Amino acid sequence: MDEARSFARSHLLKIYNTTDQAMAAKQLARALELPSHWRIRRSEARWHIEQYKDIEGIVDPSLLELAVLDFNMVQLVYQTDLKELNRWWKELGLPEKLEFARDRLNESFQWAVSLIQEPQFSYCRKIMSKLVCLVNVVDDVYDVYGSMDELQRFTAAILRWNAEELDELPEYMQICFMAVYNTANELAYYTIKQKGFNCLPYIKQAVRICTIGFINVGI
């Protein structure tokens, strides 16, 4: 694959250096900067729309109009998703209660969009964004703030998935635990309601694996 990439890059550079077509040069320069399969398709759509506008005597004005309409409609879906996530994040209160933790909601949502771009999968994007945000917070609890004794008690509570052990944890860990606990239960409730499948055991197992990994890395 390295040889294939080197071969393709060298030939694209030759074409780029010799072409007298402005559009082809722009496309080649963009491909050489970052391969198209590493880019977010919806973001790329915006770039291609702008390039299409610059073509003299647009081939199909209806196609351009449809592309702009589709892009704007999907962007509206993304904006609605992000508004709902912002409301959830503020109500959760983690940025205020856990000042040491990263506030990465926008980045988490962008990551979710890059994986799940189809507009009809809003819930999947939102729940993935929530999980990534919480993973960042838990990671900071382990790496930045918690003492070893606190982290061992926190890990034990996660492994047993027992909210009744909260009194043994400091307040910031209680808040973190309940944020993870409630989000996992929310996902499980939605799944069993929509699909009739109880995914909670798998969510719990995934959370346990993450926390074990965090404390092992910390040690």
N, C-alpha and C. Protein backbone atom coordinates (compact mmCIF):
# COMPACT_ATOMS: atom_id res chain seq x y z
N MET A 1 0.82 -1.21 0.00
CA MET A 1 0.00 0.00 0.00
C MET A 1 0.86 1.26 0.00
N ASP A 2 1.99 1.19 0.71
CA ASP A 2 2.90 2.35 0.71
C ASP A 2 3.45 2.61 -0.69
N GLU A 3 3.78 1.54 -1.39
CA GLU A 3 4.28 1.69 -2.76
C GLU A 3 3.20 2.25 -3.68
N ALA A 4 1.97 1.76 -3.50
CA ALA A 4 0.87 2.25 -4.33
C ALA A 4 0.62 3.73 -4.07
N ARG A 5 0.69 4.13 -2.80
CA ARG A 5 0.48 5.53 -2.46
C ARG A 5 1.58 6.41 -3.05
N SER A 6 2.82 5.95 -2.95
CA SER A 6 3.94 6.71 -3.50
C SER A 6 3.81 6.83 -5.02
N PHE A 7 3.41 5.73 -5.67
CA PHE A 7 3.23 5.73 -7.12
C PHE A 7 2.14 6.72 -7.53
N ALA A 8 0.98 6.64 -6.84
CA ALA A 8 -0.14 7.53 -7.19
C ALA A 8 0.22 8.99 -6.93
N ARG A 9 0.90 9.24 -5.82
CA ARG A 9 1.23 10.62 -5.48
C ARG A 9 2.20 11.23 -6.49
N SER A 10 3.20 10.45 -6.90
CA SER A 10 4.18 10.98 -7.85
C SER A 10 3.53 11.31 -9.20
N HIS A 11 2.60 10.47 -9.64
CA HIS A 11 1.94 10.72 -10.92
C HIS A 11 0.94 11.88 -10.83
N LEU A 12 0.26 11.99 -9.68
CA LEU A 12 -0.64 13.13 -9.50
C LEU A 12 0.14 14.45 -9.48
N LEU A 13 1.31 14.43 -8.87
CA LEU A 13 2.15 15.64 -8.85
C LEU A 13 2.58 16.04 -10.26
N LYS A 14 2.91 15.03 -11.08
CA LYS A 14 3.30 15.33 -12.47
C LYS A 14 2.14 15.98 -13.22
N ILE A 15 0.94 15.42 -13.03
CA ILE A 15 -0.23 15.98 -13.71
C ILE A 15 -0.51 17.39 -13.19
N TYR A 16 -0.38 17.56 -11.87
CA TYR A 16 -0.64 18.87 -11.27
C TYR A 16 0.33 19.93 -11.81
N ASN A 17 1.58 19.55 -11.98
CA ASN A 17 2.60 20.50 -12.45
C ASN A 17 2.50 20.82 -13.93
N THR A 18 1.77 19.99 -14.67
CA THR A 18 1.70 20.20 -16.12
C THR A 18 0.32 20.61 -16.62
N THR A 19 -0.71 20.46 -15.79
CA THR A 19 -2.05 20.78 -16.25
C THR A 19 -2.26 22.29 -16.38
N ASP A 20 -3.02 22.67 -17.37
CA ASP A 20 -3.38 24.08 -17.55
C ASP A 20 -4.85 24.32 -17.25
N GLN A 21 -5.50 23.32 -16.65
CA GLN A 21 -6.91 23.44 -16.31
C GLN A 21 -7.03 23.79 -14.82
N ALA A 22 -7.60 24.95 -14.55
CA ALA A 22 -7.67 25.43 -13.17
C ALA A 22 -8.48 24.49 -12.28
N MET A 23 -9.60 23.98 -12.79
CA MET A 23 -10.43 23.10 -11.98
C MET A 23 -9.70 21.81 -11.63
N ALA A 24 -9.04 21.23 -12.62
CA ALA A 24 -8.28 19.99 -12.38
C ALA A 24 -7.16 20.24 -11.38
N ALA A 25 -6.51 21.40 -11.47
CA ALA A 25 -5.42 21.73 -10.55
C ALA A 25 -5.93 21.83 -9.11
N LYS A 26 -7.10 22.44 -8.92
CA LYS A 26 -7.69 22.56 -7.58
C LYS A 26 -8.00 21.18 -7.00
N GLN A 27 -8.58 20.32 -7.83
CA GLN A 27 -8.95 18.99 -7.36
C GLN A 27 -7.71 18.17 -7.02
N LEU A 28 -6.68 18.29 -7.84
CA LEU A 28 -5.44 17.56 -7.58
C LEU A 28 -4.76 18.06 -6.30
N ALA A 29 -4.73 19.39 -6.13
CA ALA A 29 -4.10 19.95 -4.94
C ALA A 29 -4.83 19.49 -3.68
N ARG A 30 -6.15 19.42 -3.74
CA ARG A 30 -6.92 18.98 -2.58
C ARG A 30 -6.68 17.51 -2.31
N ALA A 31 -6.60 16.69 -3.35
CA ALA A 31 -6.36 15.26 -3.18
C ALA A 31 -4.97 15.01 -2.61
N LEU A 32 -3.99 15.81 -3.03
CA LEU A 32 -2.63 15.64 -2.53
C LEU A 32 -2.50 16.11 -1.07
N GLU A 33 -3.31 17.09 -0.71
CA GLU A 33 -3.28 17.58 0.67
C GLU A 33 -3.81 16.54 1.63
N LEU A 34 -4.95 15.93 1.29
CA LEU A 34 -5.58 14.92 2.14
C LEU A 34 -6.47 14.05 1.26
N PRO A 35 -6.27 12.73 1.26
CA PRO A 35 -7.08 11.84 0.42
C PRO A 35 -8.57 12.00 0.70
N SER A 36 -9.38 11.85 -0.32
CA SER A 36 -10.82 12.09 -0.17
C SER A 36 -11.46 11.14 0.82
N HIS A 37 -10.95 9.89 0.94
CA HIS A 37 -11.57 8.94 1.86
C HIS A 37 -11.23 9.25 3.32
N TRP A 38 -10.37 10.22 3.56
CA TRP A 38 -10.09 10.67 4.93
C TRP A 38 -10.91 11.90 5.29
N ARG A 39 -11.65 12.43 4.37
CA ARG A 39 -12.42 13.64 4.60
C ARG A 39 -13.87 13.30 4.94
N ILE A 40 -14.56 14.24 5.53
CA ILE A 40 -15.98 14.08 5.85
C ILE A 40 -16.78 14.41 4.60
N ARG A 41 -17.59 13.50 4.15
CA ARG A 41 -18.28 13.66 2.87
C ARG A 41 -19.16 14.89 2.83
N ARG A 42 -19.87 15.16 3.92
CA ARG A 42 -20.76 16.32 3.92
C ARG A 42 -20.00 17.63 3.84
N SER A 43 -18.84 17.70 4.47
CA SER A 43 -18.00 18.88 4.34
C SER A 43 -17.45 19.01 2.94
N GLU A 44 -17.12 17.89 2.35
CA GLU A 44 -16.64 17.89 0.97
C GLU A 44 -17.72 18.36 0.00
N ALA A 45 -18.97 18.04 0.31
CA ALA A 45 -20.07 18.45 -0.57
C ALA A 45 -20.08 19.97 -0.72
N ARG A 46 -19.85 20.67 0.39
CA ARG A 46 -19.83 22.14 0.35
C ARG A 46 -18.71 22.63 -0.58
N TRP A 47 -17.55 22.02 -0.48
CA TRP A 47 -16.42 22.42 -1.33
C TRP A 47 -16.74 22.18 -2.80
N HIS A 48 -17.32 21.02 -3.12
CA HIS A 48 -17.63 20.70 -4.50
C HIS A 48 -18.73 21.61 -5.06
N ILE A 49 -19.68 22.00 -4.21
CA ILE A 49 -20.71 22.94 -4.65
C ILE A 49 -20.09 24.26 -5.08
N GLU A 50 -19.16 24.76 -4.24
CA GLU A 50 -18.49 26.02 -4.56
C GLU A 50 -17.68 25.91 -5.86
N GLN A 51 -17.02 24.78 -6.06
CA GLN A 51 -16.25 24.59 -7.29
C GLN A 51 -17.16 24.52 -8.51
N TYR A 52 -18.30 23.88 -8.34
CA TYR A 52 -19.25 23.74 -9.45
C TYR A 52 -19.81 25.10 -9.86
N LYS A 53 -19.99 25.98 -8.86
CA LYS A 53 -20.48 27.32 -9.15
C LYS A 53 -19.53 28.10 -10.03
N ASP A 54 -18.23 27.81 -9.91
CA ASP A 54 -17.22 28.57 -10.63
C ASP A 54 -17.06 28.14 -12.08
N ILE A 55 -17.69 27.03 -12.45
CA ILE A 55 -17.59 26.56 -13.82
C ILE A 55 -18.36 27.49 -14.74
N GLU A 56 -17.72 27.92 -15.81
CA GLU A 56 -18.39 28.80 -16.76
C GLU A 56 -19.47 28.02 -17.51
N GLY A 57 -20.68 28.59 -17.52
CA GLY A 57 -21.78 27.90 -18.17
C GLY A 57 -22.11 26.60 -17.48
N ILE A 58 -22.66 26.70 -16.27
CA ILE A 58 -22.94 25.53 -15.44
C ILE A 58 -23.66 24.46 -16.26
N VAL A 59 -23.16 23.24 -16.14
CA VAL A 59 -23.68 22.14 -16.94
C VAL A 59 -25.16 21.91 -16.67
N ASP A 60 -25.54 21.90 -15.40
CA ASP A 60 -26.93 21.62 -15.04
C ASP A 60 -27.30 22.46 -13.83
N PRO A 61 -27.93 23.63 -14.04
CA PRO A 61 -28.32 24.49 -12.91
C PRO A 61 -29.25 23.78 -11.93
N SER A 62 -30.10 22.89 -12.42
CA SER A 62 -31.02 22.17 -11.53
C SER A 62 -30.26 21.27 -10.57
N LEU A 63 -29.17 20.67 -11.06
CA LEU A 63 -28.34 19.81 -10.21
C LEU A 63 -27.70 20.63 -9.10
N LEU A 64 -27.22 21.82 -9.44
CA LEU A 64 -26.61 22.70 -8.43
C LEU A 64 -27.66 23.12 -7.40
N GLU A 65 -28.83 23.48 -7.86
CA GLU A 65 -29.90 23.89 -6.94
C GLU A 65 -30.27 22.75 -6.00
N LEU A 66 -30.36 21.55 -6.54
CA LEU A 66 -30.70 20.38 -5.72
C LEU A 66 -29.61 20.09 -4.70
N ALA A 67 -28.35 20.22 -5.12
CA ALA A 67 -27.23 19.97 -4.20
C ALA A 67 -27.22 20.98 -3.06
N VAL A 68 -27.47 22.25 -3.36
CA VAL A 68 -27.50 23.28 -2.31
C VAL A 68 -28.67 23.02 -1.36
N LEU A 69 -29.82 22.67 -1.91
CA LEU A 69 -30.99 22.38 -1.07
C LEU A 69 -30.73 21.19 -0.16
N ASP A 70 -30.15 20.14 -0.70
CA ASP A 70 -29.84 18.95 0.10
C ASP A 70 -28.85 19.29 1.21
N PHE A 71 -27.81 20.05 0.86
CA PHE A 71 -26.80 20.42 1.85
C PHE A 71 -27.42 21.22 2.99
N ASN A 72 -28.25 22.20 2.65
CA ASN A 72 -28.86 23.05 3.67
C ASN A 72 -29.83 22.27 4.56
N MET A 73 -30.58 21.34 3.96
CA MET A 73 -31.52 20.55 4.74
C MET A 73 -30.78 19.65 5.74
N VAL A 74 -29.69 19.04 5.28
CA VAL A 74 -28.92 18.17 6.17
C VAL A 74 -28.24 18.99 7.27
N GLN A 75 -27.74 20.17 6.91
CA GLN A 75 -27.13 21.05 7.91
C GLN A 75 -28.14 21.43 8.98
N LEU A 76 -29.39 21.65 8.58
CA LEU A 76 -30.43 21.98 9.55
C LEU A 76 -30.65 20.83 10.52
N VAL A 77 -30.60 19.59 10.02
CA VAL A 77 -30.73 18.41 10.89
C VAL A 77 -29.57 18.37 11.88
N TYR A 78 -28.35 18.60 11.39
CA TYR A 78 -27.18 18.60 12.27
C TYR A 78 -27.30 19.69 13.34
N GLN A 79 -27.76 20.87 12.94
CA GLN A 79 -27.89 21.97 13.89
C GLN A 79 -28.92 21.65 14.97
N THR A 80 -30.01 21.00 14.56
CA THR A 80 -31.02 20.59 15.54
C THR A 80 -30.45 19.57 16.51
N ASP A 81 -29.68 18.61 15.97
CA ASP A 81 -29.03 17.62 16.84
C ASP A 81 -28.13 18.30 17.86
N LEU A 82 -27.33 19.25 17.39
CA LEU A 82 -26.36 19.91 18.27
C LEU A 82 -27.06 20.77 19.32
N LYS A 83 -28.19 21.39 18.95
CA LYS A 83 -28.96 22.17 19.94
C LYS A 83 -29.46 21.27 21.06
N GLU A 84 -29.97 20.10 20.69
CA GLU A 84 -30.46 19.16 21.70
C GLU A 84 -29.32 18.67 22.59
N LEU A 85 -28.16 18.43 21.98
CA LEU A 85 -27.01 18.00 22.76
C LEU A 85 -26.52 19.09 23.70
N ASN A 86 -26.53 20.33 23.24
CA ASN A 86 -26.15 21.45 24.11
C ASN A 86 -27.07 21.55 25.31
N ARG A 87 -28.37 21.35 25.08
CA ARG A 87 -29.33 21.40 26.17
C ARG A 87 -29.05 20.28 27.17
N TRP A 88 -28.79 19.08 26.65
CA TRP A 88 -28.46 17.94 27.52
C TRP A 88 -27.19 18.21 28.32
N TRP A 89 -26.18 18.74 27.68
CA TRP A 89 -24.89 18.98 28.32
C TRP A 89 -25.00 20.02 29.43
N LYS A 90 -25.80 21.07 29.17
CA LYS A 90 -25.99 22.10 30.19
C LYS A 90 -26.78 21.55 31.37
N GLU A 91 -27.82 20.77 31.06
CA GLU A 91 -28.63 20.19 32.15
C GLU A 91 -27.82 19.19 32.96
N LEU A 92 -26.89 18.50 32.32
CA LEU A 92 -26.05 17.54 33.02
C LEU A 92 -25.14 18.25 34.02
N GLY A 93 -24.67 19.43 33.65
CA GLY A 93 -23.91 20.26 34.58
C GLY A 93 -22.48 19.85 34.82
N LEU A 94 -21.94 18.94 34.02
CA LEU A 94 -20.57 18.48 34.26
C LEU A 94 -19.52 19.58 34.10
N PRO A 95 -19.63 20.46 33.10
CA PRO A 95 -18.61 21.52 32.98
C PRO A 95 -18.52 22.41 34.22
N GLU A 96 -19.66 22.62 34.90
CA GLU A 96 -19.64 23.47 36.10
C GLU A 96 -19.19 22.69 37.33
N LYS A 97 -19.63 21.46 37.45
CA LYS A 97 -19.33 20.67 38.64
C LYS A 97 -17.92 20.05 38.59
N LEU A 98 -17.46 19.72 37.40
CA LEU A 98 -16.16 19.10 37.22
C LEU A 98 -15.31 20.01 36.35
N GLU A 99 -14.81 21.09 36.96
CA GLU A 99 -14.10 22.11 36.20
C GLU A 99 -12.81 21.60 35.58
N PHE A 100 -12.26 20.52 36.12
CA PHE A 100 -11.00 19.99 35.60
C PHE A 100 -11.20 19.19 34.31
N ALA A 101 -12.43 18.79 34.02
CA ALA A 101 -12.71 17.90 32.89
C ALA A 101 -12.83 18.69 31.59
N ARG A 102 -12.52 18.03 30.50
CA ARG A 102 -12.61 18.65 29.18
C ARG A 102 -14.06 18.86 28.76
N ASP A 103 -14.33 20.00 28.18
CA ASP A 103 -15.64 20.32 27.63
C ASP A 103 -15.52 20.19 26.11
N ARG A 104 -15.80 19.01 25.58
CA ARG A 104 -15.55 18.71 24.17
C ARG A 104 -16.82 18.28 23.44
N LEU A 105 -17.92 18.93 23.72
CA LEU A 105 -19.17 18.54 23.09
C LEU A 105 -19.13 18.73 21.58
N ASN A 106 -18.68 19.89 21.11
CA ASN A 106 -18.67 20.16 19.68
C ASN A 106 -17.75 19.19 18.94
N GLU A 107 -16.58 18.94 19.52
CA GLU A 107 -15.65 18.01 18.87
C GLU A 107 -16.23 16.59 18.84
N SER A 108 -16.90 16.20 19.92
CA SER A 108 -17.51 14.87 19.98
C SER A 108 -18.61 14.73 18.93
N PHE A 109 -19.39 15.79 18.77
CA PHE A 109 -20.45 15.75 17.76
C PHE A 109 -19.86 15.69 16.35
N GLN A 110 -18.81 16.44 16.11
CA GLN A 110 -18.17 16.42 14.80
C GLN A 110 -17.65 15.02 14.49
N TRP A 111 -17.10 14.36 15.49
CA TRP A 111 -16.61 12.99 15.30
C TRP A 111 -17.77 12.06 14.97
N ALA A 112 -18.89 12.23 15.66
CA ALA A 112 -20.07 11.40 15.39
C ALA A 112 -20.60 11.64 13.98
N VAL A 113 -20.62 12.91 13.56
CA VAL A 113 -21.08 13.24 12.20
C VAL A 113 -20.18 12.61 11.15
N SER A 114 -18.88 12.58 11.42
CA SER A 114 -17.96 11.99 10.44
C SER A 114 -18.22 10.50 10.24
N LEU A 115 -18.75 9.84 11.27
CA LEU A 115 -19.04 8.40 11.17
C LEU A 115 -20.46 8.13 10.70
N ILE A 116 -21.40 8.98 11.12
CA ILE A 116 -22.82 8.75 10.84
C ILE A 116 -23.38 10.00 10.19
N GLN A 117 -23.28 10.10 8.89
CA GLN A 117 -23.64 11.33 8.19
C GLN A 117 -25.08 11.36 7.70
N GLU A 118 -25.70 10.21 7.56
CA GLU A 118 -27.06 10.16 7.04
C GLU A 118 -28.00 10.90 7.99
N PRO A 119 -28.79 11.83 7.47
CA PRO A 119 -29.62 12.69 8.34
C PRO A 119 -30.63 11.93 9.18
N GLN A 120 -31.09 10.77 8.71
CA GLN A 120 -32.14 10.05 9.43
C GLN A 120 -31.64 9.38 10.71
N PHE A 121 -30.32 9.35 10.93
CA PHE A 121 -29.77 8.66 12.10
C PHE A 121 -29.40 9.64 13.20
N SER A 122 -30.30 10.57 13.49
CA SER A 122 -30.04 11.60 14.50
C SER A 122 -29.76 11.00 15.87
N TYR A 123 -30.59 10.05 16.28
CA TYR A 123 -30.43 9.50 17.63
C TYR A 123 -29.07 8.84 17.79
N CYS A 124 -28.65 8.12 16.78
CA CYS A 124 -27.34 7.45 16.85
C CYS A 124 -26.22 8.47 16.99
N ARG A 125 -26.30 9.57 16.22
CA ARG A 125 -25.28 10.62 16.33
C ARG A 125 -25.27 11.22 17.73
N LYS A 126 -26.46 11.47 18.26
CA LYS A 126 -26.55 12.11 19.57
C LYS A 126 -26.04 11.21 20.68
N ILE A 127 -26.43 9.95 20.66
CA ILE A 127 -25.98 9.06 21.74
C ILE A 127 -24.49 8.81 21.64
N MET A 128 -23.95 8.76 20.42
CA MET A 128 -22.51 8.58 20.27
C MET A 128 -21.76 9.81 20.78
N SER A 129 -22.30 10.99 20.49
CA SER A 129 -21.68 12.23 20.99
C SER A 129 -21.69 12.25 22.51
N LYS A 130 -22.80 11.83 23.12
CA LYS A 130 -22.90 11.80 24.58
C LYS A 130 -21.86 10.85 25.17
N LEU A 131 -21.74 9.67 24.57
CA LEU A 131 -20.79 8.68 25.09
C LEU A 131 -19.35 9.17 24.99
N VAL A 132 -19.02 9.81 23.86
CA VAL A 132 -17.65 10.32 23.70
C VAL A 132 -17.38 11.42 24.72
N CYS A 133 -18.35 12.29 24.95
CA CYS A 133 -18.18 13.35 25.97
C CYS A 133 -17.92 12.74 27.34
N LEU A 134 -18.70 11.72 27.69
CA LEU A 134 -18.56 11.10 29.00
C LEU A 134 -17.25 10.33 29.12
N VAL A 135 -16.82 9.70 28.04
CA VAL A 135 -15.53 9.01 28.06
C VAL A 135 -14.41 10.01 28.33
N ASN A 136 -14.48 11.19 27.72
CA ASN A 136 -13.48 12.23 27.97
C ASN A 136 -13.47 12.65 29.44
N VAL A 137 -14.66 12.80 30.00
CA VAL A 137 -14.76 13.22 31.41
C VAL A 137 -14.18 12.14 32.32
N VAL A 138 -14.59 10.89 32.10
CA VAL A 138 -14.08 9.79 32.93
C VAL A 138 -12.56 9.67 32.79
N ASP A 139 -12.07 9.85 31.58
CA ASP A 139 -10.63 9.80 31.34
C ASP A 139 -9.91 10.86 32.16
N ASP A 140 -10.50 12.06 32.23
CA ASP A 140 -9.88 13.14 33.01
C ASP A 140 -9.96 12.87 34.51
N VAL A 141 -11.02 12.21 34.93
CA VAL A 141 -11.11 11.81 36.35
C VAL A 141 -9.92 10.92 36.70
N TYR A 142 -9.61 9.99 35.82
CA TYR A 142 -8.51 9.06 36.08
C TYR A 142 -7.14 9.72 35.89
N ASP A 143 -6.99 10.52 34.85
CA ASP A 143 -5.67 11.03 34.49
C ASP A 143 -5.30 12.32 35.20
N VAL A 144 -6.30 13.13 35.57
CA VAL A 144 -6.02 14.48 36.02
C VAL A 144 -6.31 14.70 37.50
N TYR A 145 -7.40 14.14 38.00
CA TYR A 145 -7.92 14.62 39.28
C TYR A 145 -7.96 13.58 40.40
N GLY A 146 -8.44 12.39 40.12
CA GLY A 146 -8.69 11.43 41.19
C GLY A 146 -7.43 10.88 41.84
N SER A 147 -7.51 10.65 43.15
CA SER A 147 -6.43 9.96 43.85
C SER A 147 -6.56 8.46 43.60
N MET A 148 -5.51 7.71 43.88
CA MET A 148 -5.55 6.28 43.62
C MET A 148 -6.63 5.59 44.44
N ASP A 149 -6.76 5.98 45.70
CA ASP A 149 -7.80 5.37 46.54
C ASP A 149 -9.20 5.67 46.00
N GLU A 150 -9.44 6.92 45.60
CA GLU A 150 -10.74 7.30 45.04
C GLU A 150 -11.02 6.55 43.74
N LEU A 151 -10.00 6.43 42.92
CA LEU A 151 -10.18 5.76 41.62
C LEU A 151 -10.48 4.27 41.80
N GLN A 152 -9.86 3.67 42.77
CA GLN A 152 -10.14 2.25 43.02
C GLN A 152 -11.58 2.06 43.48
N ARG A 153 -12.08 2.96 44.32
CA ARG A 153 -13.48 2.88 44.77
C ARG A 153 -14.44 3.18 43.62
N PHE A 154 -14.07 4.14 42.79
CA PHE A 154 -14.90 4.48 41.63
C PHE A 154 -14.96 3.31 40.65
N THR A 155 -13.82 2.67 40.41
CA THR A 155 -13.78 1.51 39.52
C THR A 155 -14.63 0.37 40.07
N ALA A 156 -14.54 0.16 41.38
CA ALA A 156 -15.34 -0.91 42.00
C ALA A 156 -16.84 -0.65 41.83
N ALA A 157 -17.25 0.63 41.97
CA ALA A 157 -18.66 0.97 41.80
C ALA A 157 -19.11 0.73 40.37
N ILE A 158 -18.25 1.07 39.40
CA ILE A 158 -18.57 0.84 37.99
C ILE A 158 -18.66 -0.65 37.70
N LEU A 159 -17.70 -1.41 38.20
CA LEU A 159 -17.68 -2.85 37.93
C LEU A 159 -18.92 -3.54 38.49
N ARG A 160 -19.38 -3.08 39.64
CA ARG A 160 -20.59 -3.67 40.24
C ARG A 160 -21.86 -3.00 39.74
N TRP A 161 -21.68 -1.86 39.04
CA TRP A 161 -22.81 -1.10 38.48
C TRP A 161 -23.87 -0.86 39.56
N ASN A 162 -23.39 -0.36 40.66
CA ASN A 162 -24.25 -0.25 41.85
C ASN A 162 -24.32 1.21 42.30
N ALA A 163 -25.46 1.85 42.05
CA ALA A 163 -25.64 3.24 42.46
C ALA A 163 -25.74 3.39 43.97
N GLU A 164 -25.99 2.30 44.69
CA GLU A 164 -26.10 2.37 46.14
C GLU A 164 -24.74 2.61 46.80
N GLU A 165 -23.66 2.47 46.05
CA GLU A 165 -22.32 2.69 46.61
C GLU A 165 -21.87 4.14 46.47
N LEU A 166 -22.76 5.02 46.03
CA LEU A 166 -22.37 6.40 45.78
C LEU A 166 -21.87 7.10 47.03
N ASP A 167 -22.43 6.77 48.19
CA ASP A 167 -22.04 7.45 49.43
C ASP A 167 -20.57 7.24 49.76
N GLU A 168 -19.96 6.21 49.19
CA GLU A 168 -18.56 5.93 49.46
C GLU A 168 -17.63 6.74 48.55
N LEU A 169 -18.21 7.50 47.62
CA LEU A 169 -17.42 8.26 46.67
C LEU A 169 -17.49 9.75 46.97
N PRO A 170 -16.45 10.51 46.59
CA PRO A 170 -16.53 11.97 46.72
C PRO A 170 -17.59 12.53 45.77
N GLU A 171 -18.03 13.75 46.02
CA GLU A 171 -19.16 14.32 45.27
C GLU A 171 -18.92 14.34 43.77
N TYR A 172 -17.72 14.75 43.34
CA TYR A 172 -17.47 14.86 41.90
C TYR A 172 -17.56 13.49 41.22
N MET A 173 -17.17 12.43 41.93
CA MET A 173 -17.28 11.09 41.37
C MET A 173 -18.73 10.60 41.36
N GLN A 174 -19.51 11.01 42.35
CA GLN A 174 -20.93 10.67 42.36
C GLN A 174 -21.62 11.26 41.12
N ILE A 175 -21.29 12.52 40.82
CA ILE A 175 -21.88 13.18 39.66
C ILE A 175 -21.47 12.47 38.38
N CYS A 176 -20.19 12.14 38.28
CA CYS A 176 -19.68 11.47 37.09
C CYS A 176 -20.32 10.09 36.93
N PHE A 177 -20.39 9.34 38.03
CA PHE A 177 -20.99 8.00 37.98
C PHE A 177 -22.44 8.07 37.52
N MET A 178 -23.22 9.00 38.08
CA MET A 178 -24.64 9.08 37.74
C MET A 178 -24.83 9.55 36.30
N ALA A 179 -23.94 10.38 35.79
CA ALA A 179 -24.03 10.81 34.38
C ALA A 179 -23.86 9.60 33.46
N VAL A 180 -22.86 8.77 33.76
CA VAL A 180 -22.64 7.56 32.96
C VAL A 180 -23.80 6.58 33.14
N TYR A 181 -24.21 6.39 34.37
CA TYR A 181 -25.27 5.43 34.72
C TYR A 181 -26.59 5.80 34.03
N ASN A 182 -26.97 7.06 34.12
CA ASN A 182 -28.24 7.49 33.54
C ASN A 182 -28.21 7.47 32.01
N THR A 183 -27.08 7.84 31.42
CA THR A 183 -26.97 7.82 29.96
C THR A 183 -27.04 6.40 29.43
N ALA A 184 -26.40 5.47 30.12
CA ALA A 184 -26.45 4.06 29.72
C ALA A 184 -27.88 3.53 29.81
N ASN A 185 -28.55 3.86 30.89
CA ASN A 185 -29.94 3.41 31.05
C ASN A 185 -30.87 4.05 30.03
N GLU A 186 -30.59 5.31 29.68
CA GLU A 186 -31.38 5.98 28.65
C GLU A 186 -31.26 5.25 27.31
N LEU A 187 -30.03 4.89 26.95
CA LEU A 187 -29.81 4.16 25.71
C LEU A 187 -30.48 2.80 25.74
N ALA A 188 -30.38 2.12 26.87
CA ALA A 188 -31.00 0.80 27.00
C ALA A 188 -32.52 0.90 26.90
N TYR A 189 -33.09 1.92 27.53
CA TYR A 189 -34.55 2.11 27.48
C TYR A 189 -35.01 2.37 26.05
N TYR A 190 -34.30 3.25 25.35
CA TYR A 190 -34.67 3.57 23.96
C TYR A 190 -34.60 2.32 23.08
N THR A 191 -33.56 1.53 23.26
CA THR A 191 -33.36 0.34 22.42
C THR A 191 -34.44 -0.70 22.68
N ILE A 192 -34.76 -0.93 23.94
CA ILE A 192 -35.78 -1.95 24.23
C ILE A 192 -37.16 -1.47 23.80
N LYS A 193 -37.38 -0.16 23.87
CA LYS A 193 -38.67 0.39 23.44
C LYS A 193 -38.82 0.31 21.92
N GLN A 194 -37.75 0.62 21.20
CA GLN A 194 -37.84 0.67 19.74
C GLN A 194 -37.61 -0.70 19.09
N LYS A 195 -36.72 -1.50 19.68
CA LYS A 195 -36.32 -2.75 19.02
C LYS A 195 -36.66 -4.01 19.81
N GLY A 196 -37.11 -3.84 21.06
CA GLY A 196 -37.42 -5.01 21.87
C GLY A 196 -36.20 -5.80 22.28
N PHE A 197 -35.04 -5.14 22.36
CA PHE A 197 -33.79 -5.81 22.70
C PHE A 197 -33.13 -5.11 23.88
N ASN A 198 -32.75 -5.88 24.88
CA ASN A 198 -32.10 -5.33 26.06
C ASN A 198 -30.59 -5.28 25.84
N CYS A 199 -30.08 -4.09 25.58
CA CYS A 199 -28.64 -3.96 25.32
C CYS A 199 -27.86 -3.53 26.56
N LEU A 200 -28.55 -3.36 27.71
CA LEU A 200 -27.87 -2.86 28.91
C LEU A 200 -26.68 -3.72 29.33
N PRO A 201 -26.77 -5.06 29.30
CA PRO A 201 -25.59 -5.85 29.69
C PRO A 201 -24.36 -5.54 28.85
N TYR A 202 -24.56 -5.25 27.57
CA TYR A 202 -23.43 -4.97 26.68
C TYR A 202 -22.87 -3.57 26.94
N ILE A 203 -23.77 -2.62 27.26
CA ILE A 203 -23.30 -1.28 27.60
C ILE A 203 -22.49 -1.32 28.89
N LYS A 204 -23.00 -2.02 29.87
CA LYS A 204 -22.30 -2.14 31.15
C LYS A 204 -20.92 -2.76 30.94
N GLN A 205 -20.86 -3.79 30.11
CA GLN A 205 -19.57 -4.45 29.86
C GLN A 205 -18.59 -3.50 29.19
N ALA A 206 -19.10 -2.69 28.23
CA ALA A 206 -18.23 -1.73 27.54
C ALA A 206 -17.70 -0.68 28.52
N VAL A 207 -18.56 -0.19 29.41
CA VAL A 207 -18.14 0.80 30.41
C VAL A 207 -17.11 0.19 31.35
N ARG A 208 -17.32 -1.04 31.75
CA ARG A 208 -16.37 -1.71 32.65
C ARG A 208 -15.00 -1.86 31.99
N ILE A 209 -15.00 -2.25 30.73
CA ILE A 209 -13.73 -2.42 30.01
C ILE A 209 -12.99 -1.09 29.93
N CYS A 210 -13.74 -0.01 29.66
CA CYS A 210 -13.10 1.32 29.59
C CYS A 210 -12.48 1.72 30.92
N THR A 211 -13.23 1.54 32.00
CA THR A 211 -12.72 1.97 33.31
C THR A 211 -11.52 1.13 33.74
N ILE A 212 -11.54 -0.17 33.46
CA ILE A 212 -10.39 -1.01 33.77
C ILE A 212 -9.17 -0.54 32.99
N GLY A 213 -9.40 -0.20 31.73
CA GLY A 213 -8.29 0.32 30.91
C GLY A 213 -7.75 1.62 31.46
N PHE A 214 -8.63 2.52 31.90
CA PHE A 214 -8.18 3.80 32.45
C PHE A 214 -7.32 3.60 33.68
N ILE A 215 -7.76 2.76 34.62
CA ILE A 215 -7.01 2.62 35.86
C ILE A 215 -5.70 1.86 35.63
N ASN A 216 -5.69 0.92 34.68
CA ASN A 216 -4.44 0.21 34.37
C ASN A 216 -3.42 1.13 33.76
N VAL A 217 -3.88 2.03 32.89
CA VAL A 217 -2.97 3.01 32.30
C VAL A 217 -2.44 3.95 33.37
N GLY A 218 -3.36 4.36 34.29
CA GLY A 218 -2.93 5.26 35.38
C GLY A 218 -1.89 4.63 36.26
N ILE A 219 -2.05 3.33 36.55
CA ILE A 219 -1.07 2.65 37.38
C ILE A 219 0.26 2.53 36.64
